[in-house]
Amino acid sequence: MPEAVVRQPGTLAKDKQTIMAITSDTADTNHVTIADRVAQLRQGMAGQLPAHVADAFGAEQADLQASGVPAGVAAPGATMPDARLLDVHGEPTTLAGAIGGRSAVIVLYRGAWCPYCNLTLRAYEEDLVPQLAQRGIALVAISPQKPDGSLSMREKNGLTFTVLSDPGNQIAAGLGVLTAPTDDARAAQRVLGLELSEANADGTHGIPMPTVAIVDGTGIIRWIDVHPDYTTRTEVAGILDAVSTLV
């Protein structure tokens, strides 16, 4: 399954025109599940990426699928790691401060440049936020990108929940879900106009595996779901089932 990136400064005119159309907007948001949205995105991307770019992303995804969830991922019962984070305006905060003593759903995503992240957070806004609000549960999304990337993600997807930047991937590392693209994948990203070290707040290439954790009011992880393959994500129904059972 190929990947695209959402922002494209454009180095090759022909590729730029093609790639500009390959964004998360391709996904039909009338679909119920995230898997449905991803399938729609795949249809829009099919045959649009340069072959060597699609091959690089496909090889990376195959490796991630084969490797599976890494050993040492935080388990239910562990304390949710915290760190010095930045809000969308660059002001310092912490995860505990953002949650405010409430139970919360914590989402780790890769960045505003990732179409799978865009369609997932949009799905959470549409289908998950109203359900969580009825239960008094917070939703917080965290990525390693600069605060302006977080602001862009929030604005273009109309997100009403908290979106934070984690310079250095401190929370991802604490959960054991920190990874990085392969050299070939990074080269493919550059063809599409993305230099990950420029998007990330700490200038590195580190990104989290897409992860959802549910924490209780004391900051204890009650449930966690990790997706090594970034083309798959935690479904809204799975989160709600866990919330109903655990919180």
Protein backbone atom coordinates (compact mmCIF):
# COMPACT_ATOMS: atom_id res chain seq x y z
CA MET A 1 0.00 0.00 0.00
CA PRO A 2 1.61 3.29 -1.08
CA GLU A 3 1.87 6.37 1.07
CA ALA A 4 1.40 10.00 0.18
CA VAL A 5 2.22 13.14 2.12
CA VAL A 6 -0.14 16.04 2.54
CA ARG A 7 2.24 18.92 2.00
CA GLN A 8 4.12 19.14 -1.26
CA PRO A 9 6.44 22.11 -1.92
CA GLY A 10 6.93 20.63 -5.39
CA THR A 11 10.29 19.76 -6.87
CA LEU A 12 9.08 18.10 -10.06
CA ALA A 13 6.31 19.98 -11.83
CA LYS A 14 4.51 16.96 -13.27
CA ASP A 15 4.72 14.97 -10.05
CA LYS A 16 3.63 17.98 -8.06
CA GLN A 17 0.39 18.33 -10.00
CA THR A 18 -0.38 14.66 -9.51
CA ILE A 19 0.62 14.45 -5.89
CA MET A 20 -1.25 17.61 -4.87
CA ALA A 21 -4.46 15.62 -5.45
CA ILE A 22 -3.38 12.72 -3.25
CA THR A 23 -4.39 13.89 0.20
CA SER A 24 -6.63 12.69 2.97
CA ASP A 25 -9.45 14.65 1.30
CA THR A 26 -9.65 11.74 -1.16
CA ALA A 27 -11.26 9.66 1.57
CA ASP A 28 -15.05 9.78 1.70
CA THR A 29 -15.93 10.84 5.24
CA ASN A 30 -19.42 9.39 4.88
CA HIS A 31 -17.91 5.93 5.45
CA VAL A 32 -18.44 4.56 8.92
CA THR A 33 -15.09 2.97 9.73
CA ILE A 34 -11.54 4.20 9.38
CA ALA A 35 -10.80 1.10 7.32
CA ASP A 36 -13.49 2.22 4.88
CA ARG A 37 -11.91 5.66 4.66
CA VAL A 38 -8.49 4.14 4.05
CA ALA A 39 -9.91 1.93 1.29
CA GLN A 40 -11.35 5.02 -0.38
CA LEU A 41 -8.00 6.77 -0.03
CA ARG A 42 -6.27 3.80 -1.66
CA GLN A 43 -8.56 4.05 -4.65
CA GLY A 44 -7.69 7.70 -5.09
CA MET A 45 -3.97 7.03 -4.78
CA ALA A 46 -3.81 3.98 -7.03
CA GLY A 47 -1.38 4.52 -9.86
CA GLN A 48 -0.78 8.17 -8.96
CA LEU A 49 2.56 7.94 -7.16
CA PRO A 50 5.82 7.45 -9.07
CA ALA A 51 6.59 3.73 -9.13
CA HIS A 52 9.82 3.96 -7.13
CA VAL A 53 8.03 6.01 -4.46
CA ALA A 54 5.17 3.52 -4.18
CA ASP A 55 7.65 0.64 -4.04
CA ALA A 56 9.61 2.26 -1.20
CA PHE A 57 6.49 2.82 0.89
CA GLY A 58 5.19 -0.66 0.10
CA ALA A 59 8.43 -2.28 1.22
CA GLU A 60 8.44 -0.26 4.43
CA GLN A 61 4.85 -1.23 5.25
CA ALA A 62 5.59 -4.91 4.57
CA ASP A 63 8.54 -4.77 6.97
CA LEU A 64 6.43 -3.08 9.64
CA GLN A 65 3.70 -5.69 9.28
CA ALA A 66 6.24 -8.52 9.54
CA SER A 67 7.91 -7.04 12.61
CA GLY A 68 4.66 -6.50 14.49
CA VAL A 69 4.28 -4.74 17.82
CA PRO A 70 7.71 -4.27 19.40
CA ALA A 71 8.66 -5.94 22.65
CA GLY A 72 8.49 -3.72 25.69
CA VAL A 73 5.40 -1.70 24.78
CA ALA A 74 3.75 -0.25 27.87
CA ALA A 75 1.03 -2.51 29.24
CA PRO A 76 -2.23 -1.79 31.04
CA GLY A 77 -1.47 -1.00 34.66
CA ALA A 78 1.59 1.09 33.84
CA THR A 79 1.70 4.83 34.45
CA MET A 80 1.21 6.94 31.36
CA PRO A 81 4.47 8.78 30.64
CA ASP A 82 4.41 12.56 30.69
CA ALA A 83 6.71 15.23 29.33
CA ARG A 84 7.12 18.89 28.57
CA LEU A 85 4.86 19.38 25.56
CA LEU A 86 3.83 22.34 23.42
CA ASP A 87 0.33 23.46 22.52
CA VAL A 88 -0.59 24.69 19.03
CA HIS A 89 0.69 28.17 19.90
CA GLY A 90 4.04 26.90 21.15
CA GLU A 91 3.20 27.39 24.81
CA PRO A 92 4.57 24.77 27.22
CA THR A 93 2.22 22.32 28.86
CA THR A 94 2.13 18.70 29.99
CA LEU A 95 -0.14 15.78 29.26
CA ALA A 96 -1.36 15.82 32.86
CA GLY A 97 -2.13 19.51 32.54
CA ALA A 98 -4.06 18.97 29.31
CA ILE A 99 -6.10 16.13 30.78
CA GLY A 100 -6.84 17.91 34.05
CA GLY A 101 -7.40 14.82 36.17
CA ARG A 102 -9.98 13.31 33.84
CA SER A 103 -10.02 9.94 32.18
CA ALA A 104 -8.72 10.40 28.66
CA VAL A 105 -8.11 8.83 25.27
CA ILE A 106 -4.56 9.60 24.14
CA VAL A 107 -3.76 9.37 20.42
CA LEU A 108 -0.20 9.30 19.10
CA TYR A 109 0.01 10.19 15.42
CA ARG A 110 2.80 10.88 12.96
CA GLY A 111 2.08 14.39 11.71
CA ALA A 112 -0.09 16.71 9.64
CA TRP A 113 1.78 15.53 6.52
CA CYS A 114 0.38 11.99 6.86
CA PRO A 115 -2.94 11.40 5.04
CA TYR A 116 -3.78 8.42 7.24
CA CYS A 117 -3.42 10.62 10.33
CA ASN A 118 -5.66 13.27 8.82
CA LEU A 119 -8.49 10.89 8.00
CA THR A 120 -8.16 9.19 11.40
CA LEU A 121 -8.31 12.36 13.48
CA ARG A 122 -11.19 13.59 11.34
CA ALA A 123 -13.04 10.33 12.04
CA TYR A 124 -12.38 10.73 15.75
CA GLU A 125 -13.74 14.29 15.64
CA GLU A 126 -16.90 13.19 13.86
CA ASP A 127 -17.63 9.88 15.54
CA LEU A 128 -15.69 9.66 18.80
CA VAL A 129 -15.65 13.13 20.36
CA PRO A 130 -19.44 13.34 20.89
CA GLN A 131 -19.47 9.94 22.60
CA LEU A 132 -16.55 10.82 24.86
CA ALA A 133 -18.07 14.19 25.75
CA GLN A 134 -21.17 12.46 27.07
CA ARG A 135 -18.92 10.51 29.42
CA GLY A 136 -16.71 13.43 30.46
CA ILE A 137 -13.64 11.85 28.85
CA ALA A 138 -10.94 13.96 27.23
CA LEU A 139 -9.31 13.29 23.85
CA VAL A 140 -5.73 14.41 23.29
CA ALA A 141 -3.69 13.89 20.11
CA ILE A 142 0.11 14.09 20.23
CA SER A 143 2.74 14.14 17.47
CA PRO A 144 6.43 15.07 17.27
CA GLN A 145 5.83 17.86 14.75
CA LYS A 146 6.33 21.56 15.34
CA PRO A 147 3.41 23.46 16.90
CA ASP A 148 2.50 25.04 13.57
CA GLY A 149 1.97 21.53 12.22
CA SER A 150 -0.34 20.80 15.13
CA LEU A 151 -2.23 24.02 14.44
CA SER A 152 -2.54 23.10 10.77
CA MET A 153 -3.86 19.66 11.66
CA ARG A 154 -6.45 21.13 14.00
CA GLU A 155 -7.62 23.85 11.63
CA LYS A 156 -7.86 21.90 8.38
CA ASN A 157 -9.78 19.05 10.01
CA GLY A 158 -11.95 21.21 12.29
CA LEU A 159 -10.71 19.45 15.42
CA THR A 160 -12.20 20.54 18.73
CA PHE A 161 -10.01 18.35 20.94
CA THR A 162 -6.53 19.13 22.25
CA VAL A 163 -3.62 18.70 19.82
CA LEU A 164 -0.09 18.82 21.24
CA SER A 165 3.50 18.61 20.04
CA ASP A 166 6.03 16.37 21.77
CA PRO A 167 9.55 17.54 20.85
CA GLY A 168 11.85 14.55 21.12
CA ASN A 169 9.06 11.96 21.07
CA GLN A 170 9.30 11.61 24.82
CA ILE A 171 5.88 10.02 25.26
CA ALA A 172 6.30 7.69 22.29
CA ALA A 173 9.65 6.56 23.69
CA GLY A 174 8.14 6.09 27.14
CA LEU A 175 5.42 3.89 25.69
CA GLY A 176 7.91 1.90 23.61
CA VAL A 177 6.38 2.84 20.25
CA LEU A 178 9.05 5.13 18.80
CA THR A 179 10.19 4.30 15.27
CA ALA A 180 11.56 6.03 12.17
CA PRO A 181 11.12 5.67 8.41
CA THR A 182 13.61 3.59 6.46
CA ASP A 183 16.21 5.42 4.37
CA ASP A 184 14.30 4.48 1.22
CA ALA A 185 11.03 5.75 2.68
CA ARG A 186 12.66 9.03 3.66
CA ALA A 187 13.99 9.41 0.13
CA ALA A 188 10.48 8.77 -1.18
CA GLN A 189 9.07 11.36 1.21
CA ARG A 190 11.53 13.91 -0.13
CA VAL A 191 10.30 13.24 -3.67
CA LEU A 192 6.85 14.25 -2.39
CA GLY A 193 8.19 17.41 -0.77
CA LEU A 194 8.51 16.26 2.84
CA GLU A 195 11.73 16.52 4.82
CA LEU A 196 10.73 14.91 8.10
CA SER A 197 13.55 16.49 10.10
CA GLU A 198 12.15 19.90 9.16
CA ALA A 199 8.61 18.96 10.17
CA ASN A 200 9.62 17.51 13.53
CA ALA A 201 10.14 19.89 16.42
CA ASP A 202 13.49 18.36 17.42
CA GLY A 203 14.94 18.07 13.90
CA THR A 204 15.06 14.27 13.93
CA HIS A 205 13.25 11.61 11.89
CA GLY A 206 11.57 9.87 14.83
CA ILE A 207 7.84 9.21 14.70
CA PRO A 208 5.46 7.18 16.85
CA MET A 209 3.72 4.06 15.73
CA PRO A 210 0.05 5.07 15.62
CA THR A 211 -1.16 4.33 19.13
CA VAL A 212 -4.26 4.86 21.22
CA ALA A 213 -4.15 4.58 25.01
CA ILE A 214 -6.95 5.01 27.51
CA VAL A 215 -5.89 6.39 30.89
CA ASP A 216 -7.94 6.77 34.03
CA GLY A 217 -8.11 9.86 36.24
CA THR A 218 -4.96 8.83 38.09
CA GLY A 219 -2.89 8.54 34.92
CA ILE A 220 -2.83 4.75 34.77
CA ILE A 221 -3.03 3.08 31.37
CA ARG A 222 -6.15 0.95 31.26
CA TRP A 223 -6.00 -0.06 27.58
CA ILE A 224 -3.55 0.40 24.71
CA ASP A 225 -3.64 -0.40 20.99
CA VAL A 226 -0.51 -0.09 18.80
CA HIS A 227 -0.44 -0.20 14.99
CA PRO A 228 3.05 -0.77 13.55
CA ASP A 229 1.59 -0.50 10.04
CA TYR A 230 0.57 3.15 9.81
CA THR A 231 -2.03 2.45 7.12
CA THR A 232 -4.22 0.84 9.79
CA ARG A 233 -5.62 2.64 12.83
CA THR A 234 -7.65 2.05 15.98
CA GLU A 235 -11.32 2.08 15.08
CA VAL A 236 -13.83 4.28 16.90
CA ALA A 237 -15.90 1.23 17.86
CA GLY A 238 -12.89 -0.42 19.50
CA ILE A 239 -12.17 2.67 21.57
CA LEU A 240 -15.77 2.99 22.69
CA ASP A 241 -15.92 -0.69 23.63
CA ALA A 242 -12.82 -0.27 25.76
CA VAL A 243 -14.10 2.93 27.33
CA SER A 244 -17.39 1.28 28.25
CA THR A 245 -15.60 -1.64 29.84
CA LEU A 246 -12.68 0.03 31.56
CA VAL A 247 -13.49 3.61 32.50
